[in-house]
Amino acid sequence: MADINIAKSNLERVGFLDVDIDPTIDLFAEIEKLKKEKNAIILAHYYQEPDIQDVADFIGDSLGLAQQAEKTNADIIVFAGVHFMAETAKILNPNKKVLLPDLNAGCSLSDSAPPELFRLFKEKHPDHIVITYINCSAGMKALSDIICTSSNAEKIIESLPKEQNIIFAPDKNLGAYLNKKTGRNMVLWNGACMVHEIFSLEKITKLKIRHPQAKVIAHPECEAPVLAVADFIGSTTALLKYSEKSDAAEFIVVTETGILHQMQKSNPNKTFIPAPPNNSCACNDCPHMKLNTLEKLYLCMEYETPEITMAEDLRLAALKPIQRMLDISKQYGL
């Protein structure tokens, strides 16, 4: 989070931890009122808690959220997600106020790629184009040629000549999956998402035995052995669409559990089973995503803090590869 200059003084002044919210307040109604009063929009990732998803103006994966951030006419963007997502919204909207309900909502994958270390890695491969997964800091984006998401990564890679050398960062699992899909031999940075790396192949296999008709659907950030047993692999949005179109009645969902809320809403007569991790808990939640709560969202909008800001030279450097991603996505109708 070193690339973000947050208005911490405002946060300290407000003292969110010391603010008592009247328990009789209808937070949903108050948030709707604040949206109208302040011309604010709430963008929420699929991994947010159900209450936040239900109050959001748009729910999506990283590509959809970036596209919404690019075209919004709101004066205030409240990003219910993690810090790299709020950064992306600010990069695309320098004149808008971008708020993040909890400053500690980071990302293990983003943290696995410090820009200062990646710069040295990049210098060892001077003839390589850098394609970077959007789950990274503004500093990493500034070192990249093209940003991608799990929704558009394959198309972006295939848009480049076969002979073009590529560095893919920061997710080694997604990179390995894309190498297999595209036949490339991209150089991979050694980063990973803590949520998607913790799934247990043994437990998934046992779950499949108990539910033989269930389809295993997995996010490509998972490790290769887990992906090998999946019936379908795709981005968060692709997993949701697959569950809607499939004739199957049961699904073992190998990604963060927040998506199950939308899957169940779209398919009330189907059963969705969260894939078990290799620890003792029953499901797999992102601890960073779940730091945001409805109460924090309300306070964030009420006091318009914490706010994301960044230096203009960093913003412009990070904007260029994001814009290339958005342009290629439009070209392919993504």
C-alpha atoms as a PDB file:
ATOM      1  CA  MET A   1       0.000   0.000   0.000  1.00  0.00           C
ATOM      2  CA  ALA A   2       3.065   2.225  -0.187  1.00  0.00           C
ATOM      3  CA  ASP A   3       1.797   3.723  -3.457  1.00  0.00           C
ATOM      4  CA  ILE A   4      -1.301   5.186  -1.831  1.00  0.00           C
ATOM      5  CA  ASN A   5      -1.299   8.509  -0.077  1.00  0.00           C
ATOM      6  CA  ILE A   6      -4.358   8.269   2.141  1.00  0.00           C
ATOM      7  CA  ALA A   7      -6.033  11.109   3.985  1.00  0.00           C
ATOM      8  CA  LYS A   8      -5.176   9.461   7.316  1.00  0.00           C
ATOM      9  CA  SER A   9      -5.621  12.651   9.284  1.00  0.00           C
ATOM     10  CA  ASN A  10      -9.289  12.640   8.333  1.00  0.00           C
ATOM     11  CA  LEU A  11      -9.609   9.038   9.469  1.00  0.00           C
ATOM     12  CA  GLU A  12      -7.944   9.822  12.793  1.00  0.00           C
ATOM     13  CA  ARG A  13     -10.132  12.874  13.247  1.00  0.00           C
ATOM     14  CA  VAL A  14     -13.313  10.922  12.610  1.00  0.00           C
ATOM     15  CA  GLY A  15     -12.128   7.954  14.666  1.00  0.00           C
ATOM     16  CA  PHE A  16     -14.328   5.280  13.100  1.00  0.00           C
ATOM     17  CA  LEU A  17     -13.558   2.851  15.891  1.00  0.00           C
ATOM     18  CA  ASP A  18     -15.058   5.319  18.360  1.00  0.00           C
ATOM     19  CA  VAL A  19     -18.184   6.117  16.346  1.00  0.00           C
ATOM     20  CA  ASP A  20     -21.287   4.484  17.774  1.00  0.00           C
ATOM     21  CA  ILE A  21     -23.973   3.815  15.181  1.00  0.00           C
ATOM     22  CA  ASP A  22     -27.545   3.998  16.427  1.00  0.00           C
ATOM     23  CA  PRO A  23     -28.728   0.359  16.264  1.00  0.00           C
ATOM     24  CA  THR A  24     -32.181   1.510  15.160  1.00  0.00           C
ATOM     25  CA  ILE A  25     -30.819   3.090  11.978  1.00  0.00           C
ATOM     26  CA  ASP A  26     -31.771   1.363   8.729  1.00  0.00           C
ATOM     27  CA  LEU A  27     -28.313   1.273   7.161  1.00  0.00           C
ATOM     28  CA  PHE A  28     -29.654   0.256   3.768  1.00  0.00           C
ATOM     29  CA  ALA A  29     -31.974   3.279   3.670  1.00  0.00           C
ATOM     30  CA  GLU A  30     -29.289   5.643   4.970  1.00  0.00           C
ATOM     31  CA  ILE A  31     -26.779   4.458   2.389  1.00  0.00           C
ATOM     32  CA  GLU A  32     -29.332   4.935  -0.400  1.00  0.00           C
ATOM     33  CA  LYS A  33     -29.998   8.453   0.872  1.00  0.00           C
ATOM     34  CA  LEU A  34     -26.288   9.276   0.983  1.00  0.00           C
ATOM     35  CA  LYS A  35     -25.846   8.001  -2.573  1.00  0.00           C
ATOM     36  CA  LYS A  36     -28.467  10.454  -3.819  1.00  0.00           C
ATOM     37  CA  GLU A  37     -27.284  13.386  -1.703  1.00  0.00           C
ATOM     38  CA  LYS A  38     -23.645  13.009  -2.699  1.00  0.00           C
ATOM     39  CA  ASN A  39     -24.039  11.651  -6.233  1.00  0.00           C
ATOM     40  CA  ALA A  40     -22.088   8.591  -5.159  1.00  0.00           C
ATOM     41  CA  ILE A  41     -21.844   5.137  -6.698  1.00  0.00           C
ATOM     42  CA  ILE A  42     -20.962   1.929  -4.841  1.00  0.00           C
ATOM     43  CA  LEU A  43     -18.887  -0.597  -6.762  1.00  0.00           C
ATOM     44  CA  ALA A  44     -18.593  -3.976  -5.044  1.00  0.00           C
ATOM     45  CA  HIS A  45     -16.613  -7.095  -5.825  1.00  0.00           C
ATOM     46  CA  TYR A  46     -18.327 -10.487  -5.814  1.00  0.00           C
ATOM     47  CA  TYR A  47     -16.253 -11.420  -2.767  1.00  0.00           C
ATOM     48  CA  GLN A  48     -17.868  -8.812  -0.522  1.00  0.00           C
ATOM     49  CA  GLU A  49     -20.332  -9.809   2.197  1.00  0.00           C
ATOM     50  CA  PRO A  50     -23.965 -10.259   1.021  1.00  0.00           C
ATOM     51  CA  ASP A  51     -25.253  -7.037   2.636  1.00  0.00           C
ATOM     52  CA  ILE A  52     -22.722  -4.947   0.716  1.00  0.00           C
ATOM     53  CA  GLN A  53     -23.514  -6.748  -2.532  1.00  0.00           C
ATOM     54  CA  ASP A  54     -27.200  -6.034  -2.005  1.00  0.00           C
ATOM     55  CA  VAL A  55     -26.676  -2.284  -1.527  1.00  0.00           C
ATOM     56  CA  ALA A  56     -24.148  -1.873  -4.366  1.00  0.00           C
ATOM     57  CA  ASP A  57     -24.939  -0.160  -7.665  1.00  0.00           C
ATOM     58  CA  PHE A  58     -22.725  -2.569  -9.549  1.00  0.00           C
ATOM     59  CA  ILE A  59     -21.326  -5.957  -8.581  1.00  0.00           C
ATOM     60  CA  GLY A  60     -18.607  -7.536 -10.666  1.00  0.00           C
ATOM     61  CA  ASP A  61     -15.143  -8.965 -11.105  1.00  0.00           C
ATOM     62  CA  SER A  62     -12.029  -6.885 -11.682  1.00  0.00           C
ATOM     63  CA  LEU A  63     -12.700  -6.254 -15.392  1.00  0.00           C
ATOM     64  CA  GLY A  64     -16.327  -5.272 -14.897  1.00  0.00           C
ATOM     65  CA  LEU A  65     -15.472  -2.994 -11.992  1.00  0.00           C
ATOM     66  CA  ALA A  66     -12.700  -1.270 -13.965  1.00  0.00           C
ATOM     67  CA  GLN A  67     -15.091  -0.721 -16.867  1.00  0.00           C
ATOM     68  CA  GLN A  68     -17.733   0.736 -14.557  1.00  0.00           C
ATOM     69  CA  ALA A  69     -15.170   2.982 -12.885  1.00  0.00           C
ATOM     70  CA  GLU A  70     -14.089   4.272 -16.297  1.00  0.00           C
ATOM     71  CA  LYS A  71     -17.564   5.367 -17.381  1.00  0.00           C
ATOM     72  CA  THR A  72     -19.275   6.505 -14.182  1.00  0.00           C
ATOM     73  CA  ASN A  73     -20.680  10.030 -13.916  1.00  0.00           C
ATOM     74  CA  ALA A  74     -20.746   9.929 -10.121  1.00  0.00           C
ATOM     75  CA  ASP A  75     -18.818  12.497  -8.088  1.00  0.00           C
ATOM     76  CA  ILE A  76     -17.847   9.926  -5.448  1.00  0.00           C
ATOM     77  CA  ILE A  77     -16.827   6.306  -6.069  1.00  0.00           C
ATOM     78  CA  VAL A  78     -17.141   4.102  -3.012  1.00  0.00           C
ATOM     79  CA  PHE A  79     -15.148   0.963  -3.721  1.00  0.00           C
ATOM     80  CA  ALA A  80     -16.229  -2.017  -1.653  1.00  0.00           C
ATOM     81  CA  GLY A  81     -13.263  -4.201  -2.435  1.00  0.00           C
ATOM     82  CA  VAL A  82      -9.542  -4.097  -1.714  1.00  0.00           C
ATOM     83  CA  HIS A  83      -6.979  -1.342  -2.106  1.00  0.00           C
ATOM     84  CA  PHE A  84      -5.692  -2.171  -5.609  1.00  0.00           C
ATOM     85  CA  MET A  85      -9.279  -1.942  -6.890  1.00  0.00           C
ATOM     86  CA  ALA A  86      -9.794   1.474  -5.319  1.00  0.00           C
ATOM     87  CA  GLU A  87      -6.433   2.538  -6.756  1.00  0.00           C
ATOM     88  CA  THR A  88      -7.563   1.474 -10.223  1.00  0.00           C
ATOM     89  CA  ALA A  89     -10.721   3.553  -9.877  1.00  0.00           C
ATOM     90  CA  LYS A  90      -8.635   6.585  -8.890  1.00  0.00           C
ATOM     91  CA  ILE A  91      -6.219   6.040 -11.774  1.00  0.00           C
ATOM     92  CA  LEU A  92      -9.179   6.150 -14.163  1.00  0.00           C
ATOM     93  CA  ASN A  93     -10.920   9.043 -12.375  1.00  0.00           C
ATOM     94  CA  PRO A  94      -8.359  11.613 -11.160  1.00  0.00           C
ATOM     95  CA  ASN A  95     -11.012  14.287 -10.578  1.00  0.00           C
ATOM     96  CA  LYS A  96     -13.405  12.108  -8.609  1.00  0.00           C
ATOM     97  CA  LYS A  97     -13.269  11.260  -4.919  1.00  0.00           C
ATOM     98  CA  VAL A  98     -12.548   7.560  -4.407  1.00  0.00           C
ATOM     99  CA  LEU A  99     -13.273   6.040  -0.998  1.00  0.00           C
ATOM    100  CA  LEU A 100     -12.346   2.673   0.498  1.00  0.00           C
ATOM    101  CA  PRO A 101     -14.350   1.577   3.586  1.00  0.00           C
ATOM    102  CA  ASP A 102     -11.396  -0.110   5.326  1.00  0.00           C
ATOM    103  CA  LEU A 103      -7.786   0.913   4.717  1.00  0.00           C
ATOM    104  CA  ASN A 104      -6.550  -2.491   5.828  1.00  0.00           C
ATOM    105  CA  ALA A 105      -8.363  -4.261   2.998  1.00  0.00           C
ATOM    106  CA  GLY A 106      -5.230  -5.289   1.161  1.00  0.00           C
ATOM    107  CA  CYS A 107      -4.435  -8.237  -1.100  1.00  0.00           C
ATOM    108  CA  SER A 108      -1.973 -11.085  -0.551  1.00  0.00           C
ATOM    109  CA  LEU A 109      -1.392 -11.407  -4.305  1.00  0.00           C
ATOM    110  CA  SER A 110      -0.646  -7.705  -4.678  1.00  0.00           C
ATOM    111  CA  ASP A 111       1.680  -7.840  -1.670  1.00  0.00           C
ATOM    112  CA  SER A 112       3.607 -10.712  -3.283  1.00  0.00           C
ATOM    113  CA  ALA A 113       4.925  -8.351  -5.976  1.00  0.00           C
ATOM    114  CA  PRO A 114       6.786  -5.354  -4.487  1.00  0.00           C
ATOM    115  CA  PRO A 115       7.483  -2.886  -7.328  1.00  0.00           C
ATOM    116  CA  GLU A 116      11.093  -2.313  -6.291  1.00  0.00           C
ATOM    117  CA  LEU A 117      11.854  -6.045  -6.584  1.00  0.00           C
ATOM    118  CA  PHE A 118       9.879  -6.481  -9.769  1.00  0.00           C
ATOM    119  CA  ARG A 119      11.810  -3.616 -11.392  1.00  0.00           C
ATOM    120  CA  LEU A 120      15.044  -5.596 -10.920  1.00  0.00           C
ATOM    121  CA  PHE A 121      13.375  -8.731 -12.298  1.00  0.00           C
ATOM    122  CA  LYS A 122      12.140  -6.817 -15.327  1.00  0.00           C
ATOM    123  CA  GLU A 123      15.631  -5.449 -16.040  1.00  0.00           C
ATOM    124  CA  LYS A 124      16.881  -9.035 -16.465  1.00  0.00           C
ATOM    125  CA  HIS A 125      14.440  -9.523 -19.368  1.00  0.00           C
ATOM    126  CA  PRO A 126      14.798  -6.340 -21.456  1.00  0.00           C
ATOM    127  CA  ASP A 127      13.205  -7.828 -24.591  1.00  0.00           C
ATOM    128  CA  HIS A 128      10.022  -8.912 -22.795  1.00  0.00           C
ATOM    129  CA  ILE A 129       6.647  -7.161 -22.720  1.00  0.00           C
ATOM    130  CA  VAL A 130       5.146  -7.096 -19.222  1.00  0.00           C
ATOM    131  CA  ILE A 131       1.539  -8.264 -18.862  1.00  0.00           C
ATOM    132  CA  THR A 132       0.408  -7.761 -15.299  1.00  0.00           C
ATOM    133  CA  TYR A 133      -2.704  -9.113 -13.635  1.00  0.00           C
ATOM    134  CA  ILE A 134      -4.842  -6.279 -12.291  1.00  0.00           C
ATOM    135  CA  ASN A 135      -4.451  -7.637  -8.738  1.00  0.00           C
ATOM    136  CA  CYS A 136      -1.373  -5.494  -8.104  1.00  0.00           C
ATOM    137  CA  SER A 137      -0.358  -2.078  -6.814  1.00  0.00           C
ATOM    138  CA  ALA A 138      -0.233   1.142  -8.820  1.00  0.00           C
ATOM    139  CA  GLY A 139       3.556   0.867  -8.658  1.00  0.00           C
ATOM    140  CA  MET A 140       3.408  -2.512 -10.382  1.00  0.00           C
ATOM    141  CA  LYS A 141       0.990  -1.207 -12.988  1.00  0.00           C
ATOM    142  CA  ALA A 142       3.394   1.632 -13.734  1.00  0.00           C
ATOM    143  CA  LEU A 143       6.074  -0.954 -14.595  1.00  0.00           C
ATOM    144  CA  SER A 144       3.753  -2.825 -16.953  1.00  0.00           C
ATOM    145  CA  ASP A 145       2.935  -2.653 -20.647  1.00  0.00           C
ATOM    146  CA  ILE A 146      -0.561  -4.138 -20.463  1.00  0.00           C
ATOM    147  CA  ILE A 147      -2.850  -4.939 -17.536  1.00  0.00           C
ATOM    148  CA  CYS A 148      -5.173  -7.936 -17.713  1.00  0.00           C
ATOM    149  CA  THR A 149      -7.868  -9.636 -15.666  1.00  0.00           C
ATOM    150  CA  SER A 150      -8.795 -13.307 -15.516  1.00  0.00           C
ATOM    151  CA  SER A 151     -11.674 -12.464 -17.881  1.00  0.00           C
ATOM    152  CA  ASN A 152      -9.550 -11.023 -20.677  1.00  0.00           C
ATOM    153  CA  ALA A 153      -6.022 -12.363 -20.096  1.00  0.00           C
ATOM    154  CA  GLU A 154      -6.166 -15.042 -22.786  1.00  0.00           C
ATOM    155  CA  LYS A 155      -7.390 -12.591 -25.446  1.00  0.00           C
ATOM    156  CA  ILE A 156      -4.771 -10.025 -24.471  1.00  0.00           C
ATOM    157  CA  ILE A 157      -1.960 -12.581 -24.726  1.00  0.00           C
ATOM    158  CA  GLU A 158      -3.242 -13.823 -28.081  1.00  0.00           C
ATOM    159  CA  SER A 159      -3.384 -10.246 -29.387  1.00  0.00           C
ATOM    160  CA  LEU A 160       0.426 -10.198 -29.306  1.00  0.00           C
ATOM    161  CA  PRO A 161       2.653 -11.869 -31.930  1.00  0.00           C
ATOM    162  CA  LYS A 162       3.634 -15.450 -31.107  1.00  0.00           C
ATOM    163  CA  GLU A 163       7.306 -14.529 -31.156  1.00  0.00           C
ATOM    164  CA  GLN A 164       6.855 -11.751 -28.578  1.00  0.00           C
ATOM    165  CA  ASN A 165       8.539 -12.571 -25.276  1.00  0.00           C
ATOM    166  CA  ILE A 166       6.330 -11.924 -22.261  1.00  0.00           C
ATOM    167  CA  ILE A 167       6.718 -11.571 -18.505  1.00  0.00           C
ATOM    168  CA  PHE A 168       3.501 -12.406 -16.668  1.00  0.00           C
ATOM    169  CA  ALA A 169       3.042 -11.157 -13.118  1.00  0.00           C
ATOM    170  CA  PRO A 170       2.240 -11.486 -10.320  1.00  0.00           C
ATOM    171  CA  ASP A 171       0.162 -14.721 -10.187  1.00  0.00           C
ATOM    172  CA  LYS A 172       2.207 -17.819 -11.080  1.00  0.00           C
ATOM    173  CA  ASN A 173      -0.855 -20.105 -11.050  1.00  0.00           C
ATOM    174  CA  LEU A 174      -2.850 -17.951 -13.449  1.00  0.00           C
ATOM    175  CA  GLY A 175       0.294 -17.524 -15.567  1.00  0.00           C
ATOM    176  CA  ALA A 176       0.884 -21.279 -15.750  1.00  0.00           C
ATOM    177  CA  TYR A 177      -2.739 -21.844 -16.719  1.00  0.00           C
ATOM    178  CA  LEU A 178      -2.458 -19.215 -19.462  1.00  0.00           C
ATOM    179  CA  ASN A 179       0.788 -20.717 -20.750  1.00  0.00           C
ATOM    180  CA  LYS A 180      -1.037 -24.021 -21.118  1.00  0.00           C
ATOM    181  CA  LYS A 181      -4.059 -22.414 -22.789  1.00  0.00           C
ATOM    182  CA  THR A 182      -2.132 -20.248 -25.249  1.00  0.00           C
ATOM    183  CA  GLY A 183       0.922 -22.427 -25.891  1.00  0.00           C
ATOM    184  CA  ARG A 184       3.198 -19.605 -24.767  1.00  0.00           C
ATOM    185  CA  ASN A 185       6.228 -19.804 -22.541  1.00  0.00           C
ATOM    186  CA  MET A 186       5.787 -16.632 -20.541  1.00  0.00           C
ATOM    187  CA  VAL A 187       8.289 -15.893 -17.798  1.00  0.00           C
ATOM    188  CA  LEU A 188       6.329 -16.011 -14.529  1.00  0.00           C
ATOM    189  CA  TRP A 189       6.773 -13.949 -11.397  1.00  0.00           C
ATOM    190  CA  ASN A 190       6.509 -16.094  -8.251  1.00  0.00           C
ATOM    191  CA  GLY A 191       3.370 -14.631  -6.670  1.00  0.00           C
ATOM    192  CA  ALA A 192       0.071 -16.157  -5.570  1.00  0.00           C
ATOM    193  CA  CYS A 193      -3.268 -15.514  -3.866  1.00  0.00           C
ATOM    194  CA  MET A 194      -3.498 -16.950  -0.351  1.00  0.00           C
ATOM    195  CA  VAL A 195      -7.172 -17.818  -0.837  1.00  0.00           C
ATOM    196  CA  HIS A 196      -6.814 -19.753  -4.076  1.00  0.00           C
ATOM    197  CA  GLU A 197      -3.645 -21.568  -3.014  1.00  0.00           C
ATOM    198  CA  ILE A 198      -5.170 -23.074   0.120  1.00  0.00           C
ATOM    199  CA  PHE A 199      -7.794 -25.335  -1.478  1.00  0.00           C
ATOM    200  CA  SER A 200      -7.335 -29.018  -0.672  1.00  0.00           C
ATOM    201  CA  LEU A 201      -7.336 -31.386  -3.648  1.00  0.00           C
ATOM    202  CA  GLU A 202      -7.884 -34.327  -1.291  1.00  0.00           C
ATOM    203  CA  LYS A 203     -10.947 -32.737   0.311  1.00  0.00           C
ATOM    204  CA  ILE A 204     -12.357 -31.660  -3.053  1.00  0.00           C
ATOM    205  CA  THR A 205     -11.966 -35.224  -4.320  1.00  0.00           C
ATOM    206  CA  LYS A 206     -13.801 -36.585  -1.278  1.00  0.00           C
ATOM    207  CA  LEU A 207     -16.512 -33.945  -1.737  1.00  0.00           C
ATOM    208  CA  LYS A 208     -16.894 -35.012  -5.366  1.00  0.00           C
ATOM    209  CA  ILE A 209     -17.386 -38.637  -4.248  1.00  0.00           C
ATOM    210  CA  ARG A 210     -20.202 -37.527  -1.930  1.00  0.00           C
ATOM    211  CA  HIS A 211     -21.736 -35.397  -4.703  1.00  0.00           C
ATOM    212  CA  PRO A 212     -21.016 -37.347  -7.924  1.00  0.00           C
ATOM    213  CA  GLN A 213     -23.352 -35.226 -10.057  1.00  0.00           C
ATOM    214  CA  ALA A 214     -21.845 -31.931  -8.949  1.00  0.00           C
ATOM    215  CA  LYS A 215     -19.806 -29.844 -11.365  1.00  0.00           C
ATOM    216  CA  VAL A 216     -16.464 -28.609 -10.056  1.00  0.00           C
ATOM    217  CA  ILE A 217     -15.975 -24.986 -11.138  1.00  0.00           C
ATOM    218  CA  ALA A 218     -12.707 -23.221 -10.340  1.00  0.00           C
ATOM    219  CA  HIS A 219     -10.937 -19.891 -10.686  1.00  0.00           C
ATOM    220  CA  PRO A 220      -7.648 -20.019 -12.651  1.00  0.00           C
ATOM    221  CA  GLU A 221      -5.738 -18.578  -9.683  1.00  0.00           C
ATOM    222  CA  CYS A 222      -5.974 -22.074  -8.136  1.00  0.00           C
ATOM    223  CA  GLU A 223      -3.025 -24.468  -8.301  1.00  0.00           C
ATOM    224  CA  ALA A 224      -2.691 -26.784 -11.302  1.00  0.00           C
ATOM    225  CA  PRO A 225      -3.701 -30.053  -9.507  1.00  0.00           C
ATOM    226  CA  VAL A 226      -6.970 -28.443  -8.425  1.00  0.00           C
ATOM    227  CA  LEU A 227      -7.633 -27.056 -11.904  1.00  0.00           C
ATOM    228  CA  ALA A 228      -7.005 -30.539 -13.339  1.00  0.00           C
ATOM    229  CA  VAL A 229     -10.146 -31.889 -11.627  1.00  0.00           C
ATOM    230  CA  ALA A 230     -12.372 -28.948 -12.574  1.00  0.00           C
ATOM    231  CA  ASP A 231     -15.237 -29.314 -15.039  1.00  0.00           C
ATOM    232  CA  PHE A 232     -15.031 -25.598 -15.817  1.00  0.00           C
ATOM    233  CA  ILE A 233     -12.334 -22.957 -15.226  1.00  0.00           C
ATOM    234  CA  GLY A 234     -13.049 -19.266 -15.493  1.00  0.00           C
ATOM    235  CA  SER A 235     -13.089 -15.786 -14.003  1.00  0.00           C
ATOM    236  CA  THR A 236     -15.535 -14.995 -11.224  1.00  0.00           C
ATOM    237  CA  THR A 237     -18.065 -13.671 -13.722  1.00  0.00           C
ATOM    238  CA  ALA A 238     -17.549 -16.685 -15.991  1.00  0.00           C
ATOM    239  CA  LEU A 239     -18.165 -19.050 -13.059  1.00  0.00           C
ATOM    240  CA  LEU A 240     -21.404 -17.232 -12.279  1.00  0.00           C
ATOM    241  CA  LYS A 241     -22.576 -17.382 -15.902  1.00  0.00           C
ATOM    242  CA  TYR A 242     -21.664 -21.069 -16.161  1.00  0.00           C
ATOM    243  CA  SER A 243     -23.727 -21.866 -13.080  1.00  0.00           C
ATOM    244  CA  GLU A 244     -26.693 -20.056 -14.626  1.00  0.00           C
ATOM    245  CA  LYS A 245     -26.502 -21.815 -17.989  1.00  0.00           C
ATOM    246  CA  SER A 246     -25.533 -25.307 -16.845  1.00  0.00           C
ATOM    247  CA  ASP A 247     -28.154 -28.016 -16.464  1.00  0.00           C
ATOM    248  CA  ALA A 248     -26.358 -29.313 -13.366  1.00  0.00           C
ATOM    249  CA  ALA A 249     -28.164 -29.010 -10.041  1.00  0.00           C
ATOM    250  CA  GLU A 250     -25.072 -29.036  -7.825  1.00  0.00           C
ATOM    251  CA  PHE A 251     -21.753 -27.173  -8.000  1.00  0.00           C
ATOM    252  CA  ILE A 252     -18.553 -27.397  -5.996  1.00  0.00           C
ATOM    253  CA  VAL A 253     -17.254 -23.826  -6.166  1.00  0.00           C
ATOM    254  CA  VAL A 254     -13.473 -23.443  -5.944  1.00  0.00           C
ATOM    255  CA  THR A 255     -13.023 -19.741  -5.328  1.00  0.00           C
ATOM    256  CA  GLU A 256     -13.760 -17.197  -2.606  1.00  0.00           C
ATOM    257  CA  THR A 257     -17.146 -17.862  -0.995  1.00  0.00           C
ATOM    258  CA  GLY A 258     -18.566 -14.367  -1.600  1.00  0.00           C
ATOM    259  CA  ILE A 259     -19.626 -15.378  -5.121  1.00  0.00           C
ATOM    260  CA  LEU A 260     -22.042 -17.965  -3.705  1.00  0.00           C
ATOM    261  CA  HIS A 261     -24.460 -15.171  -2.749  1.00  0.00           C
ATOM    262  CA  GLN A 262     -24.960 -14.135  -6.372  1.00  0.00           C
ATOM    263  CA  MET A 263     -24.984 -17.749  -7.565  1.00  0.00           C
ATOM    264  CA  GLN A 264     -27.756 -18.607  -5.124  1.00  0.00           C
ATOM    265  CA  LYS A 265     -29.760 -15.482  -6.001  1.00  0.00           C
ATOM    266  CA  SER A 266     -29.537 -16.304  -9.710  1.00  0.00           C
ATOM    267  CA  ASN A 267     -30.175 -20.027  -9.208  1.00  0.00           C
ATOM    268  CA  PRO A 268     -32.434 -20.513  -6.153  1.00  0.00           C
ATOM    269  CA  ASN A 269     -33.146 -24.151  -7.028  1.00  0.00           C
ATOM    270  CA  LYS A 270     -29.495 -25.159  -7.366  1.00  0.00           C
ATOM    271  CA  THR A 271     -27.024 -26.173  -4.665  1.00  0.00           C
ATOM    272  CA  PHE A 272     -23.632 -24.487  -4.302  1.00  0.00           C
ATOM    273  CA  ILE A 273     -20.984 -26.092  -2.129  1.00  0.00           C
ATOM    274  CA  PRO A 274     -17.883 -24.085  -1.144  1.00  0.00           C
ATOM    275  CA  ALA A 275     -14.727 -26.072  -1.812  1.00  0.00           C
ATOM    276  CA  PRO A 276     -12.848 -26.854   1.422  1.00  0.00           C
ATOM    277  CA  PRO A 277      -9.350 -25.542   2.121  1.00  0.00           C
ATOM    278  CA  ASN A 278      -6.562 -27.547   3.687  1.00  0.00           C
ATOM    279  CA  ASN A 279      -7.186 -26.075   7.134  1.00  0.00           C
ATOM    280  CA  SER A 280      -9.944 -26.641   9.691  1.00  0.00           C
ATOM    281  CA  CYS A 281     -12.468 -24.012   8.615  1.00  0.00           C
ATOM    282  CA  ALA A 282     -15.530 -24.960   6.593  1.00  0.00           C
ATOM    283  CA  CYS A 283     -15.103 -22.478   3.777  1.00  0.00           C
ATOM    284  CA  ASN A 284     -12.603 -20.185   2.141  1.00  0.00           C
ATOM    285  CA  ASP A 285     -12.977 -16.449   2.755  1.00  0.00           C
ATOM    286  CA  CYS A 286     -10.581 -13.666   1.808  1.00  0.00           C
ATOM    287  CA  PRO A 287      -9.779 -11.975   5.131  1.00  0.00           C
ATOM    288  CA  HIS A 288      -9.019  -8.720   3.318  1.00  0.00           C
ATOM    289  CA  MET A 289     -12.280  -8.574   1.358  1.00  0.00           C
ATOM    290  CA  LYS A 290     -14.269  -9.367   4.478  1.00  0.00           C
ATOM    291  CA  LEU A 291     -12.813  -6.405   6.404  1.00  0.00           C
ATOM    292  CA  ASN A 292     -15.388  -4.209   4.695  1.00  0.00           C
ATOM    293  CA  THR A 293     -18.749  -4.186   6.467  1.00  0.00           C
ATOM    294  CA  LEU A 294     -22.053  -2.406   5.947  1.00  0.00           C
ATOM    295  CA  GLU A 295     -21.317  -0.227   8.989  1.00  0.00           C
ATOM    296  CA  LYS A 296     -17.920   0.832   7.624  1.00  0.00           C
ATOM    297  CA  LEU A 297     -19.495   1.514   4.240  1.00  0.00           C
ATOM    298  CA  TYR A 298     -22.056   3.826   5.848  1.00  0.00           C
ATOM    299  CA  LEU A 299     -19.422   5.712   7.872  1.00  0.00           C
ATOM    300  CA  CYS A 300     -17.170   5.949   4.838  1.00  0.00           C
ATOM    301  CA  MET A 301     -19.942   7.635   2.863  1.00  0.00           C
ATOM    302  CA  GLU A 302     -21.094   9.828   5.736  1.00  0.00           C
ATOM    303  CA  TYR A 303     -17.635  11.276   6.437  1.00  0.00           C
ATOM    304  CA  GLU A 304     -16.166  10.824   2.921  1.00  0.00           C
ATOM    305  CA  THR A 305     -13.048   9.172   4.255  1.00  0.00           C
ATOM    306  CA  PRO A 306     -10.683   7.327   3.947  1.00  0.00           C
ATOM    307  CA  GLU A 307      -9.930   8.739   0.528  1.00  0.00           C
ATOM    308  CA  ILE A 308      -7.467   7.364  -2.038  1.00  0.00           C
ATOM    309  CA  THR A 309      -5.062   9.835  -3.652  1.00  0.00           C
ATOM    310  CA  MET A 310      -1.783   9.391  -5.508  1.00  0.00           C
ATOM    311  CA  ALA A 311       0.939  11.362  -7.230  1.00  0.00           C
ATOM    312  CA  GLU A 312       0.023  12.396 -10.764  1.00  0.00           C
ATOM    313  CA  ASP A 313       3.178  10.968 -12.343  1.00  0.00           C
ATOM    314  CA  LEU A 314       2.425   7.563 -10.814  1.00  0.00           C
ATOM    315  CA  ARG A 315      -1.203   7.771 -11.897  1.00  0.00           C
ATOM    316  CA  LEU A 316      -0.292   8.559 -15.503  1.00  0.00           C
ATOM    317  CA  ALA A 317       2.289   5.769 -15.650  1.00  0.00           C
ATOM    318  CA  ALA A 318      -0.256   3.267 -14.272  1.00  0.00           C
ATOM    319  CA  LEU A 319      -3.034   4.552 -16.537  1.00  0.00           C
ATOM    320  CA  LYS A 320      -1.278   3.664 -19.795  1.00  0.00           C
ATOM    321  CA  PRO A 321      -1.326  -0.166 -19.393  1.00  0.00           C
ATOM    322  CA  ILE A 322      -4.864  -0.085 -17.934  1.00  0.00           C
ATOM    323  CA  GLN A 323      -6.066   1.860 -20.953  1.00  0.00           C
ATOM    324  CA  ARG A 324      -4.426  -0.677 -23.269  1.00  0.00           C
ATOM    325  CA  MET A 325      -6.353  -3.403 -21.463  1.00  0.00           C
ATOM    326  CA  LEU A 326      -9.649  -1.563 -21.794  1.00  0.00           C
ATOM    327  CA  ASP A 327      -9.024  -0.851 -25.474  1.00  0.00           C
ATOM    328  CA  ILE A 328      -8.210  -4.508 -26.255  1.00  0.00           C
ATOM    329  CA  SER A 329     -11.248  -5.626 -24.253  1.00  0.00           C
ATOM    330  CA  LYS A 330     -13.482  -3.353 -26.315  1.00  0.00           C
ATOM    331  CA  GLN A 331     -11.885  -4.675 -29.497  1.00  0.00           C
ATOM    332  CA  TYR A 332     -12.841  -8.226 -28.547  1.00  0.00           C
ATOM    333  CA  GLY A 333     -16.233  -7.258 -27.119  1.00  0.00           C
ATOM    334  CA  LEU A 334     -15.274  -8.303 -23.579  1.00  0.00           C
END
